[in-house]
Amino acid sequence: MEMNPRLRVLFVCAMNQWRSPTAEVLYRSDPRLEVRSAGVRTDANRPIRAADLEWADVVFVMDRQQKARIREQFRDMELPEIRVLEIPDGLIYMDPELQRLLRLAIDPEIDSILNG
């Protein structure tokens, strides 16, 4: 019996402090996914590494600047698809409004990837 591999999703924000760790927690128990989070800033709680991008099937960034920063920082790599969620900064870790915004942005993206 062959198992379908889970979609590997990397959530990225600036500092890996509020937005991307919240997304990681929200989707950690989704049986369709493997998730990680990272930040684009060098002083992030968990800075993004080449190994994260090699691991990921898709990267969800919170804004366009983060996508540009990844493309610049890792310009010599073949990058996975990077999708911009447009999640504003300013909401703290696990804030109910942040959770709502993340689910509204991420759920349809995950469904479109998994259902073609």
PDB file of N, CA and C in Angstrom:
ATOM      1  N   MET A   1       0.852  -1.190   0.000  1.00  0.00           N
ATOM      2  CA  MET A   1       0.000   0.000   0.000  1.00  0.00           C
ATOM      3  C   MET A   1       0.890   1.244   0.000  1.00  0.00           C
ATOM      4  N   GLU A   2       0.737   2.083  -0.997  1.00  0.00           N
ATOM      5  CA  GLU A   2       1.570   3.269  -1.128  1.00  0.00           C
ATOM      6  C   GLU A   2       0.926   4.454  -0.418  1.00  0.00           C
ATOM      7  N   MET A   3       1.734   5.141   0.386  1.00  0.00           N
ATOM      8  CA  MET A   3       1.215   6.330   1.080  1.00  0.00           C
ATOM      9  C   MET A   3       1.504   7.569   0.243  1.00  0.00           C
ATOM     10  N   ASN A   4       0.564   8.487   0.227  1.00  0.00           N
ATOM     11  CA  ASN A   4       0.810   9.763  -0.434  1.00  0.00           C
ATOM     12  C   ASN A   4       1.693  10.612   0.469  1.00  0.00           C
ATOM     13  N   PRO A   5       2.758  11.189  -0.077  1.00  0.00           N
ATOM     14  CA  PRO A   5       3.588  12.047   0.761  1.00  0.00           C
ATOM     15  C   PRO A   5       2.833  13.327   1.129  1.00  0.00           C
ATOM     16  N   ARG A   6       3.149  13.827   2.273  1.00  0.00           N
ATOM     17  CA  ARG A   6       2.511  15.066   2.705  1.00  0.00           C
ATOM     18  C   ARG A   6       3.184  16.269   2.042  1.00  0.00           C
ATOM     19  N   LEU A   7       2.398  17.301   1.817  1.00  0.00           N
ATOM     20  CA  LEU A   7       2.905  18.545   1.250  1.00  0.00           C
ATOM     21  C   LEU A   7       3.773  19.234   2.296  1.00  0.00           C
ATOM     22  N   ARG A   8       4.991  19.600   1.903  1.00  0.00           N
ATOM     23  CA  ARG A   8       5.917  20.270   2.831  1.00  0.00           C
ATOM     24  C   ARG A   8       5.792  21.779   2.644  1.00  0.00           C
ATOM     25  N   VAL A   9       5.331  22.437   3.706  1.00  0.00           N
ATOM     26  CA  VAL A   9       5.015  23.858   3.664  1.00  0.00           C
ATOM     27  C   VAL A   9       5.931  24.616   4.617  1.00  0.00           C
ATOM     28  N   LEU A  10       6.566  25.654   4.078  1.00  0.00           N
ATOM     29  CA  LEU A  10       7.396  26.544   4.885  1.00  0.00           C
ATOM     30  C   LEU A  10       6.686  27.888   4.991  1.00  0.00           C
ATOM     31  N   PHE A  11       6.389  28.301   6.230  1.00  0.00           N
ATOM     32  CA  PHE A  11       5.778  29.608   6.482  1.00  0.00           C
ATOM     33  C   PHE A  11       6.887  30.578   6.855  1.00  0.00           C
ATOM     34  N   VAL A  12       6.871  31.761   6.236  1.00  0.00           N
ATOM     35  CA  VAL A  12       7.948  32.724   6.450  1.00  0.00           C
ATOM     36  C   VAL A  12       7.379  34.107   6.740  1.00  0.00           C
ATOM     37  N   CYS A  13       7.933  34.743   7.763  1.00  0.00           N
ATOM     38  CA  CYS A  13       7.669  36.163   8.022  1.00  0.00           C
ATOM     39  C   CYS A  13       9.031  36.831   8.263  1.00  0.00           C
ATOM     40  N   ALA A  14       9.033  38.000   8.838  1.00  0.00           N
ATOM     41  CA  ALA A  14      10.291  38.718   9.017  1.00  0.00           C
ATOM     42  C   ALA A  14      11.139  38.118  10.133  1.00  0.00           C
ATOM     43  N   MET A  15      10.557  38.013  11.331  1.00  0.00           N
ATOM     44  CA  MET A  15      11.328  37.631  12.516  1.00  0.00           C
ATOM     45  C   MET A  15      11.043  36.221  13.020  1.00  0.00           C
ATOM     46  N   ASN A  16      10.106  35.506  12.408  1.00  0.00           N
ATOM     47  CA  ASN A  16       9.683  34.195  12.899  1.00  0.00           C
ATOM     48  C   ASN A  16       9.297  34.304  14.374  1.00  0.00           C
ATOM     49  N   GLN A  17       8.527  35.350  14.640  1.00  0.00           N
ATOM     50  CA  GLN A  17       8.122  35.618  16.021  1.00  0.00           C
ATOM     51  C   GLN A  17       6.613  35.492  16.204  1.00  0.00           C
ATOM     52  N   TRP A  18       5.820  36.053  15.270  1.00  0.00           N
ATOM     53  CA  TRP A  18       4.377  36.084  15.455  1.00  0.00           C
ATOM     54  C   TRP A  18       3.616  35.381  14.336  1.00  0.00           C
ATOM     55  N   ARG A  19       3.777  35.861  13.119  1.00  0.00           N
ATOM     56  CA  ARG A  19       2.945  35.358  12.025  1.00  0.00           C
ATOM     57  C   ARG A  19       3.306  33.935  11.590  1.00  0.00           C
ATOM     58  N   SER A  20       4.548  33.707  11.207  1.00  0.00           N
ATOM     59  CA  SER A  20       4.883  32.364  10.704  1.00  0.00           C
ATOM     60  C   SER A  20       4.818  31.279  11.780  1.00  0.00           C
ATOM     61  N   PRO A  21       5.229  31.541  13.044  1.00  0.00           N
ATOM     62  CA  PRO A  21       5.050  30.491  14.051  1.00  0.00           C
ATOM     63  C   PRO A  21       3.571  30.193  14.335  1.00  0.00           C
ATOM     64  N   THR A  22       2.725  31.218  14.255  1.00  0.00           N
ATOM     65  CA  THR A  22       1.285  30.986  14.437  1.00  0.00           C
ATOM     66  C   THR A  22       0.768  30.088  13.319  1.00  0.00           C
ATOM     67  N   ALA A  23       1.158  30.365  12.080  1.00  0.00           N
ATOM     68  CA  ALA A  23       0.740  29.516  10.956  1.00  0.00           C
ATOM     69  C   ALA A  23       1.245  28.089  11.146  1.00  0.00           C
ATOM     70  N   GLU A  24       2.477  27.940  11.598  1.00  0.00           N
ATOM     71  CA  GLU A  24       3.031  26.602  11.821  1.00  0.00           C
ATOM     72  C   GLU A  24       2.189  25.834  12.836  1.00  0.00           C
ATOM     73  N   VAL A  25       1.821  26.485  13.933  1.00  0.00           N
ATOM     74  CA  VAL A  25       1.004  25.822  14.953  1.00  0.00           C
ATOM     75  C   VAL A  25      -0.380  25.478  14.404  1.00  0.00           C
ATOM     76  N   LEU A  26      -0.975  26.401  13.652  1.00  0.00           N
ATOM     77  CA  LEU A  26      -2.320  26.160  13.112  1.00  0.00           C
ATOM     78  C   LEU A  26      -2.376  24.944  12.189  1.00  0.00           C
ATOM     79  N   TYR A  27      -1.311  24.711  11.439  1.00  0.00           N
ATOM     80  CA  TYR A  27      -1.326  23.649  10.434  1.00  0.00           C
ATOM     81  C   TYR A  27      -0.499  22.424  10.825  1.00  0.00           C
ATOM     82  N   ARG A  28       0.080  22.430  11.992  1.00  0.00           N
ATOM     83  CA  ARG A  28       0.914  21.317  12.450  1.00  0.00           C
ATOM     84  C   ARG A  28       0.137  20.002  12.516  1.00  0.00           C
ATOM     85  N   SER A  29      -1.132  20.060  12.873  1.00  0.00           N
ATOM     86  CA  SER A  29      -1.908  18.829  13.032  1.00  0.00           C
ATOM     87  C   SER A  29      -2.667  18.429  11.763  1.00  0.00           C
ATOM     88  N   ASP A  30      -2.473  19.175  10.675  1.00  0.00           N
ATOM     89  CA  ASP A  30      -3.136  18.826   9.409  1.00  0.00           C
ATOM     90  C   ASP A  30      -2.423  17.601   8.826  1.00  0.00           C
ATOM     91  N   PRO A  31      -3.116  16.479   8.693  1.00  0.00           N
ATOM     92  CA  PRO A  31      -2.461  15.250   8.244  1.00  0.00           C
ATOM     93  C   PRO A  31      -1.947  15.301   6.807  1.00  0.00           C
ATOM     94  N   ARG A  32      -2.380  16.295   6.050  1.00  0.00           N
ATOM     95  CA  ARG A  32      -1.929  16.430   4.660  1.00  0.00           C
ATOM     96  C   ARG A  32      -0.586  17.140   4.540  1.00  0.00           C
ATOM     97  N   LEU A  33      -0.150  17.755   5.653  1.00  0.00           N
ATOM     98  CA  LEU A  33       0.992  18.667   5.589  1.00  0.00           C
ATOM     99  C   LEU A  33       2.106  18.301   6.558  1.00  0.00           C
ATOM    100  N   GLU A  34       3.320  18.697   6.174  1.00  0.00           N
ATOM    101  CA  GLU A  34       4.448  18.827   7.093  1.00  0.00           C
ATOM    102  C   GLU A  34       4.758  20.316   7.077  1.00  0.00           C
ATOM    103  N   VAL A  35       4.977  20.915   8.231  1.00  0.00           N
ATOM    104  CA  VAL A  35       5.157  22.368   8.274  1.00  0.00           C
ATOM    105  C   VAL A  35       6.392  22.757   9.069  1.00  0.00           C
ATOM    106  N   ARG A  36       6.957  23.883   8.667  1.00  0.00           N
ATOM    107  CA  ARG A  36       8.061  24.539   9.368  1.00  0.00           C
ATOM    108  C   ARG A  36       7.829  26.041   9.240  1.00  0.00           C
ATOM    109  N   SER A  37       8.553  26.804  10.054  1.00  0.00           N
ATOM    110  CA  SER A  37       8.505  28.256   9.894  1.00  0.00           C
ATOM    111  C   SER A  37       9.901  28.829  10.066  1.00  0.00           C
ATOM    112  N   ALA A  38      10.081  30.019   9.498  1.00  0.00           N
ATOM    113  CA  ALA A  38      11.368  30.704   9.556  1.00  0.00           C
ATOM    114  C   ALA A  38      11.141  32.191   9.305  1.00  0.00           C
ATOM    115  N   GLY A  39      12.199  32.969   9.524  1.00  0.00           N
ATOM    116  CA  GLY A  39      12.148  34.403   9.266  1.00  0.00           C
ATOM    117  C   GLY A  39      13.218  34.816   8.280  1.00  0.00           C
ATOM    118  N   VAL A  40      12.967  35.889   7.524  1.00  0.00           N
ATOM    119  CA  VAL A  40      13.937  36.339   6.527  1.00  0.00           C
ATOM    120  C   VAL A  40      15.048  37.200   7.115  1.00  0.00           C
ATOM    121  N   ARG A  41      14.821  37.770   8.272  1.00  0.00           N
ATOM    122  CA  ARG A  41      15.858  38.627   8.861  1.00  0.00           C
ATOM    123  C   ARG A  41      16.943  37.778   9.500  1.00  0.00           C
ATOM    124  N   THR A  42      18.166  38.289   9.446  1.00  0.00           N
ATOM    125  CA  THR A  42      19.290  37.535  10.013  1.00  0.00           C
ATOM    126  C   THR A  42      19.171  37.388  11.525  1.00  0.00           C
ATOM    127  N   ASP A  43      18.449  38.310  12.164  1.00  0.00           N
ATOM    128  CA  ASP A  43      18.267  38.233  13.621  1.00  0.00           C
ATOM    129  C   ASP A  43      16.927  37.589  13.995  1.00  0.00           C
ATOM    130  N   ALA A  44      16.315  36.871  13.050  1.00  0.00           N
ATOM    131  CA  ALA A  44      15.041  36.177  13.309  1.00  0.00           C
ATOM    132  C   ALA A  44      15.249  35.086  14.352  1.00  0.00           C
ATOM    133  N   ASN A  45      14.170  34.719  15.024  1.00  0.00           N
ATOM    134  CA  ASN A  45      14.235  33.629  15.999  1.00  0.00           C
ATOM    135  C   ASN A  45      14.764  32.357  15.350  1.00  0.00           C
ATOM    136  N   ARG A  46      14.346  32.102  14.115  1.00  0.00           N
ATOM    137  CA  ARG A  46      14.867  30.977  13.338  1.00  0.00           C
ATOM    138  C   ARG A  46      15.043  31.473  11.906  1.00  0.00           C
ATOM    139  N   PRO A  47      16.252  31.930  11.579  1.00  0.00           N
ATOM    140  CA  PRO A  47      16.482  32.447  10.228  1.00  0.00           C
ATOM    141  C   PRO A  47      16.320  31.362   9.168  1.00  0.00           C
ATOM    142  N   ILE A  48      15.785  31.766   8.022  1.00  0.00           N
ATOM    143  CA  ILE A  48      15.600  30.836   6.913  1.00  0.00           C
ATOM    144  C   ILE A  48      16.965  30.373   6.403  1.00  0.00           C
ATOM    145  N   ARG A  49      17.027  29.095   6.036  1.00  0.00           N
ATOM    146  CA  ARG A  49      18.269  28.506   5.528  1.00  0.00           C
ATOM    147  C   ARG A  49      17.993  27.849   4.180  1.00  0.00           C
ATOM    148  N   ALA A  50      19.049  27.621   3.440  1.00  0.00           N
ATOM    149  CA  ALA A  50      18.923  26.936   2.154  1.00  0.00           C
ATOM    150  C   ALA A  50      18.262  25.572   2.342  1.00  0.00           C
ATOM    151  N   ALA A  51      18.594  24.887   3.429  1.00  0.00           N
ATOM    152  CA  ALA A  51      18.017  23.565   3.690  1.00  0.00           C
ATOM    153  C   ALA A  51      16.496  23.627   3.830  1.00  0.00           C
ATOM    154  N   ASP A  52      15.966  24.723   4.375  1.00  0.00           N
ATOM    155  CA  ASP A  52      14.513  24.882   4.486  1.00  0.00           C
ATOM    156  C   ASP A  52      13.882  24.950   3.100  1.00  0.00           C
ATOM    157  N   LEU A  53      14.519  25.687   2.206  1.00  0.00           N
ATOM    158  CA  LEU A  53      13.984  25.856   0.861  1.00  0.00           C
ATOM    159  C   LEU A  53      14.120  24.576   0.044  1.00  0.00           C
ATOM    160  N   GLU A  54      15.199  23.824   0.261  1.00  0.00           N
ATOM    161  CA  GLU A  54      15.362  22.538  -0.415  1.00  0.00           C
ATOM    162  C   GLU A  54      14.305  21.546   0.065  1.00  0.00           C
ATOM    163  N   TRP A  55      13.920  21.637   1.329  1.00  0.00           N
ATOM    164  CA  TRP A  55      12.927  20.749   1.929  1.00  0.00           C
ATOM    165  C   TRP A  55      11.507  21.064   1.439  1.00  0.00           C
ATOM    166  N   ALA A  56      11.194  22.343   1.268  1.00  0.00           N
ATOM    167  CA  ALA A  56       9.813  22.795   1.029  1.00  0.00           C
ATOM    168  C   ALA A  56       9.314  22.505  -0.381  1.00  0.00           C
ATOM    169  N   ASP A  57       8.030  22.137  -0.444  1.00  0.00           N
ATOM    170  CA  ASP A  57       7.321  22.061  -1.722  1.00  0.00           C
ATOM    171  C   ASP A  57       6.766  23.428  -2.094  1.00  0.00           C
ATOM    172  N   VAL A  58       6.369  24.188  -1.075  1.00  0.00           N
ATOM    173  CA  VAL A  58       5.810  25.523  -1.279  1.00  0.00           C
ATOM    174  C   VAL A  58       6.189  26.384  -0.078  1.00  0.00           C
ATOM    175  N   VAL A  59       6.402  27.668  -0.349  1.00  0.00           N
ATOM    176  CA  VAL A  59       6.711  28.637   0.703  1.00  0.00           C
ATOM    177  C   VAL A  59       5.601  29.670   0.716  1.00  0.00           C
ATOM    178  N   PHE A  60       5.056  29.922   1.902  1.00  0.00           N
ATOM    179  CA  PHE A  60       4.071  30.989   2.075  1.00  0.00           C
ATOM    180  C   PHE A  60       4.737  32.116   2.843  1.00  0.00           C
ATOM    181  N   VAL A  61       4.848  33.279   2.211  1.00  0.00           N
ATOM    182  CA  VAL A  61       5.391  34.467   2.868  1.00  0.00           C
ATOM    183  C   VAL A  61       4.240  35.406   3.201  1.00  0.00           C
ATOM    184  N   MET A  62       4.452  36.242   4.187  1.00  0.00           N
ATOM    185  CA  MET A  62       3.387  37.127   4.645  1.00  0.00           C
ATOM    186  C   MET A  62       3.256  38.373   3.788  1.00  0.00           C
ATOM    187  N   ASP A  63       4.350  38.797   3.130  1.00  0.00           N
ATOM    188  CA  ASP A  63       4.266  39.971   2.258  1.00  0.00           C
ATOM    189  C   ASP A  63       5.275  39.879   1.113  1.00  0.00           C
ATOM    190  N   ARG A  64       5.119  40.772   0.138  1.00  0.00           N
ATOM    191  CA  ARG A  64       5.933  40.750  -1.078  1.00  0.00           C
ATOM    192  C   ARG A  64       7.415  41.011  -0.810  1.00  0.00           C
ATOM    193  N   GLN A  65       7.713  41.823   0.189  1.00  0.00           N
ATOM    194  CA  GLN A  65       9.108  42.114   0.511  1.00  0.00           C
ATOM    195  C   GLN A  65       9.846  40.850   0.946  1.00  0.00           C
ATOM    196  N   GLN A  66       9.161  39.972   1.651  1.00  0.00           N
ATOM    197  CA  GLN A  66       9.784  38.728   2.094  1.00  0.00           C
ATOM    198  C   GLN A  66      10.081  37.821   0.897  1.00  0.00           C
ATOM    199  N   LYS A  67       9.182  37.790  -0.061  1.00  0.00           N
ATOM    200  CA  LYS A  67       9.426  37.011  -1.284  1.00  0.00           C
ATOM    201  C   LYS A  67      10.652  37.547  -2.009  1.00  0.00           C
ATOM    202  N   ALA A  68      10.730  38.862  -2.145  1.00  0.00           N
ATOM    203  CA  ALA A  68      11.878  39.474  -2.817  1.00  0.00           C
ATOM    204  C   ALA A  68      13.179  39.185  -2.063  1.00  0.00           C
ATOM    205  N   ARG A  69      13.103  39.226  -0.759  1.00  0.00           N
ATOM    206  CA  ARG A  69      14.311  38.972   0.056  1.00  0.00           C
ATOM    207  C   ARG A  69      14.791  37.527  -0.105  1.00  0.00           C
ATOM    208  N   ILE A  70      13.865  36.583  -0.135  1.00  0.00           N
ATOM    209  CA  ILE A  70      14.250  35.183  -0.344  1.00  0.00           C
ATOM    210  C   ILE A  70      14.881  35.020  -1.722  1.00  0.00           C
ATOM    211  N   ARG A  71      14.249  35.597  -2.733  1.00  0.00           N
ATOM    212  CA  ARG A  71      14.788  35.487  -4.096  1.00  0.00           C
ATOM    213  C   ARG A  71      16.189  36.091  -4.194  1.00  0.00           C
ATOM    214  N   GLU A  72      16.413  37.188  -3.504  1.00  0.00           N
ATOM    215  CA  GLU A  72      17.733  37.834  -3.534  1.00  0.00           C
ATOM    216  C   GLU A  72      18.756  37.018  -2.742  1.00  0.00           C
ATOM    217  N   GLN A  73      18.404  36.638  -1.536  1.00  0.00           N
ATOM    218  CA  GLN A  73      19.333  35.930  -0.655  1.00  0.00           C
ATOM    219  C   GLN A  73      19.725  34.558  -1.210  1.00  0.00           C
ATOM    220  N   PHE A  74      18.790  33.905  -1.885  1.00  0.00           N
ATOM    221  CA  PHE A  74      19.030  32.551  -2.390  1.00  0.00           C
ATOM    222  C   PHE A  74      18.965  32.520  -3.915  1.00  0.00           C
ATOM    223  N   ARG A  75      19.473  33.566  -4.560  1.00  0.00           N
ATOM    224  CA  ARG A  75      19.346  33.709  -6.010  1.00  0.00           C
ATOM    225  C   ARG A  75      20.067  32.616  -6.792  1.00  0.00           C
ATOM    226  N   ASP A  76      21.020  31.921  -6.169  1.00  0.00           N
ATOM    227  CA  ASP A  76      21.742  30.860  -6.862  1.00  0.00           C
ATOM    228  C   ASP A  76      21.078  29.495  -6.706  1.00  0.00           C
ATOM    229  N   MET A  77      19.945  29.454  -6.031  1.00  0.00           N
ATOM    230  CA  MET A  77      19.216  28.202  -5.808  1.00  0.00           C
ATOM    231  C   MET A  77      17.993  28.113  -6.697  1.00  0.00           C
ATOM    232  N   GLU A  78      17.591  26.879  -6.983  1.00  0.00           N
ATOM    233  CA  GLU A  78      16.277  26.676  -7.594  1.00  0.00           C
ATOM    234  C   GLU A  78      15.276  26.677  -6.446  1.00  0.00           C
ATOM    235  N   LEU A  79      14.407  27.663  -6.438  1.00  0.00           N
ATOM    236  CA  LEU A  79      13.487  27.851  -5.317  1.00  0.00           C
ATOM    237  C   LEU A  79      12.158  27.140  -5.555  1.00  0.00           C
ATOM    238  N   PRO A  80      11.527  26.696  -4.473  1.00  0.00           N
ATOM    239  CA  PRO A  80      10.158  26.188  -4.614  1.00  0.00           C
ATOM    240  C   PRO A  80       9.221  27.350  -4.917  1.00  0.00           C
ATOM    241  N   GLU A  81       7.998  27.039  -5.242  1.00  0.00           N
ATOM    242  CA  GLU A  81       6.995  28.086  -5.459  1.00  0.00           C
ATOM    243  C   GLU A  81       6.853  28.912  -4.185  1.00  0.00           C
ATOM    244  N   ILE A  82       6.807  30.232  -4.345  1.00  0.00           N
ATOM    245  CA  ILE A  82       6.620  31.140  -3.212  1.00  0.00           C
ATOM    246  C   ILE A  82       5.319  31.896  -3.429  1.00  0.00           C
ATOM    247  N   ARG A  83       4.403  31.750  -2.494  1.00  0.00           N
ATOM    248  CA  ARG A  83       3.100  32.416  -2.585  1.00  0.00           C
ATOM    249  C   ARG A  83       2.998  33.472  -1.484  1.00  0.00           C
ATOM    250  N   VAL A  84       2.494  34.643  -1.861  1.00  0.00           N
ATOM    251  CA  VAL A  84       2.355  35.771  -0.935  1.00  0.00           C
ATOM    252  C   VAL A  84       0.955  35.767  -0.335  1.00  0.00           C
ATOM    253  N   LEU A  85       0.884  35.829   0.998  1.00  0.00           N
ATOM    254  CA  LEU A  85      -0.402  35.783   1.693  1.00  0.00           C
ATOM    255  C   LEU A  85      -0.978  37.161   2.016  1.00  0.00           C
ATOM    256  N   GLU A  86      -0.143  38.198   2.040  1.00  0.00           N
ATOM    257  CA  GLU A  86      -0.587  39.556   2.393  1.00  0.00           C
ATOM    258  C   GLU A  86      -1.198  39.603   3.791  1.00  0.00           C
ATOM    259  N   ILE A  87      -0.467  39.078   4.770  1.00  0.00           N
ATOM    260  CA  ILE A  87      -0.891  39.122   6.175  1.00  0.00           C
ATOM    261  C   ILE A  87      -0.161  40.278   6.848  1.00  0.00           C
ATOM    262  N   PRO A  88      -0.889  41.285   7.342  1.00  0.00           N
ATOM    263  CA  PRO A  88      -0.224  42.453   7.931  1.00  0.00           C
ATOM    264  C   PRO A  88       0.497  42.115   9.231  1.00  0.00           C
ATOM    265  N   ASP A  89       1.534  42.871   9.502  1.00  0.00           N
ATOM    266  CA  ASP A  89       2.269  42.735  10.756  1.00  0.00           C
ATOM    267  C   ASP A  89       1.484  43.465  11.849  1.00  0.00           C
ATOM    268  N   GLY A  90       1.813  43.210  13.092  1.00  0.00           N
ATOM    269  CA  GLY A  90       1.198  43.950  14.179  1.00  0.00           C
ATOM    270  C   GLY A  90       0.312  43.123  15.085  1.00  0.00           C
ATOM    271  N   LEU A  91      -0.009  41.890  14.669  1.00  0.00           N
ATOM    272  CA  LEU A  91      -0.793  41.014  15.531  1.00  0.00           C
ATOM    273  C   LEU A  91       0.163  40.029  16.190  1.00  0.00           C
ATOM    274  N   ILE A  92      -0.044  39.775  17.468  1.00  0.00           N
ATOM    275  CA  ILE A  92       0.896  38.945  18.210  1.00  0.00           C
ATOM    276  C   ILE A  92       0.610  37.457  18.044  1.00  0.00           C
ATOM    277  N   TYR A  93       1.569  36.653  18.468  1.00  0.00           N
ATOM    278  CA  TYR A  93       1.519  35.193  18.362  1.00  0.00           C
ATOM    279  C   TYR A  93       0.198  34.634  18.873  1.00  0.00           C
ATOM    280  N   MET A  94      -0.450  33.839  18.036  1.00  0.00           N
ATOM    281  CA  MET A  94      -1.701  33.135  18.330  1.00  0.00           C
ATOM    282  C   MET A  94      -2.890  34.063  18.602  1.00  0.00           C
ATOM    283  N   ASP A  95      -2.778  35.335  18.251  1.00  0.00           N
ATOM    284  CA  ASP A  95      -3.897  36.264  18.368  1.00  0.00           C
ATOM    285  C   ASP A  95      -5.062  35.701  17.545  1.00  0.00           C
ATOM    286  N   PRO A  96      -6.281  35.692  18.087  1.00  0.00           N
ATOM    287  CA  PRO A  96      -7.420  35.136  17.339  1.00  0.00           C
ATOM    288  C   PRO A  96      -7.622  35.789  15.969  1.00  0.00           C
ATOM    289  N   GLU A  97      -7.400  37.085  15.860  1.00  0.00           N
ATOM    290  CA  GLU A  97      -7.548  37.760  14.569  1.00  0.00           C
ATOM    291  C   GLU A  97      -6.453  37.306  13.595  1.00  0.00           C
ATOM    292  N   LEU A  98      -5.247  37.126  14.086  1.00  0.00           N
ATOM    293  CA  LEU A  98      -4.163  36.616  13.247  1.00  0.00           C
ATOM    294  C   LEU A  98      -4.499  35.203  12.772  1.00  0.00           C
ATOM    295  N   GLN A  99      -5.001  34.377  13.656  1.00  0.00           N
ATOM    296  CA  GLN A  99      -5.391  33.014  13.273  1.00  0.00           C
ATOM    297  C   GLN A  99      -6.462  33.045  12.185  1.00  0.00           C
ATOM    298  N   ARG A 100      -7.440  33.925  12.335  1.00  0.00           N
ATOM    299  CA  ARG A 100      -8.524  34.044  11.359  1.00  0.00           C
ATOM    300  C   ARG A 100      -7.976  34.460   9.995  1.00  0.00           C
ATOM    301  N   LEU A 101      -7.119  35.486   9.990  1.00  0.00           N
ATOM    302  CA  LEU A 101      -6.544  35.981   8.735  1.00  0.00           C
ATOM    303  C   LEU A 101      -5.687  34.910   8.061  1.00  0.00           C
ATOM    304  N   LEU A 102      -4.905  34.199   8.855  1.00  0.00           N
ATOM    305  CA  LEU A 102      -4.060  33.142   8.296  1.00  0.00           C
ATOM    306  C   LEU A 102      -4.906  32.035   7.676  1.00  0.00           C
ATOM    307  N   ARG A 103      -5.931  31.590   8.381  1.00  0.00           N
ATOM    308  CA  ARG A 103      -6.795  30.517   7.849  1.00  0.00           C
ATOM    309  C   ARG A 103      -7.485  30.971   6.549  1.00  0.00           C
ATOM    310  N   LEU A 104      -7.974  32.218   6.541  1.00  0.00           N
ATOM    311  CA  LEU A 104      -8.638  32.735   5.340  1.00  0.00           C
ATOM    312  C   LEU A 104      -7.698  32.765   4.139  1.00  0.00           C
ATOM    313  N   ALA A 105      -6.432  33.077   4.386  1.00  0.00           N
ATOM    314  CA  ALA A 105      -5.457  33.171   3.297  1.00  0.00           C
ATOM    315  C   ALA A 105      -4.890  31.807   2.908  1.00  0.00           C
ATOM    316  N   ILE A 106      -4.630  30.954   3.898  1.00  0.00           N
ATOM    317  CA  ILE A 106      -3.910  29.699   3.650  1.00  0.00           C
ATOM    318  C   ILE A 106      -4.822  28.570   3.191  1.00  0.00           C
ATOM    319  N   ASP A 107      -5.986  28.422   3.792  1.00  0.00           N
ATOM    320  CA  ASP A 107      -6.865  27.293   3.454  1.00  0.00           C
ATOM    321  C   ASP A 107      -7.114  27.162   1.942  1.00  0.00           C
ATOM    322  N   PRO A 108      -7.509  28.244   1.253  1.00  0.00           N
ATOM    323  CA  PRO A 108      -7.754  28.094  -0.186  1.00  0.00           C
ATOM    324  C   PRO A 108      -6.472  27.774  -0.966  1.00  0.00           C
ATOM    325  N   GLU A 109      -5.339  28.288  -0.514  1.00  0.00           N
ATOM    326  CA  GLU A 109      -4.063  28.006  -1.179  1.00  0.00           C
ATOM    327  C   GLU A 109      -3.721  26.524  -1.062  1.00  0.00           C
ATOM    328  N   ILE A 110      -3.848  25.975   0.132  1.00  0.00           N
ATOM    329  CA  ILE A 110      -3.568  24.553   0.359  1.00  0.00           C
ATOM    330  C   ILE A 110      -4.513  23.700  -0.484  1.00  0.00           C
ATOM    331  N   ASP A 111      -5.789  24.049  -0.464  1.00  0.00           N
ATOM    332  CA  ASP A 111      -6.772  23.286  -1.231  1.00  0.00           C
ATOM    333  C   ASP A 111      -6.448  23.325  -2.731  1.00  0.00           C
ATOM    334  N   SER A 112      -6.047  24.486  -3.239  1.00  0.00           N
ATOM    335  CA  SER A 112      -5.757  24.585  -4.677  1.00  0.00           C
ATOM    336  C   SER A 112      -4.510  23.775  -5.047  1.00  0.00           C
ATOM    337  N   ILE A 113      -3.535  23.732  -4.165  1.00  0.00           N
ATOM    338  CA  ILE A 113      -2.332  22.945  -4.432  1.00  0.00           C
ATOM    339  C   ILE A 113      -2.648  21.452  -4.392  1.00  0.00           C
ATOM    340  N   LEU A 114      -3.346  21.022  -3.366  1.00  0.00           N
ATOM    341  CA  LEU A 114      -3.611  19.587  -3.189  1.00  0.00           C
ATOM    342  C   LEU A 114      -4.657  19.038  -4.159  1.00  0.00           C
ATOM    343  N   ASN A 115      -5.561  19.903  -4.588  1.00  0.00           N
ATOM    344  CA  ASN A 115      -6.640  19.433  -5.469  1.00  0.00           C
ATOM    345  C   ASN A 115      -6.418  19.822  -6.935  1.00  0.00           C
ATOM    346  N   GLY A 116      -5.227  20.376  -7.200  1.00  0.00           N
ATOM    347  CA  GLY A 116      -4.855  20.715  -8.564  1.00  0.00           C
ATOM    348  C   GLY A 116      -5.675  21.778  -9.157  1.00  0.00           C
TER     349      GLY A 116
END
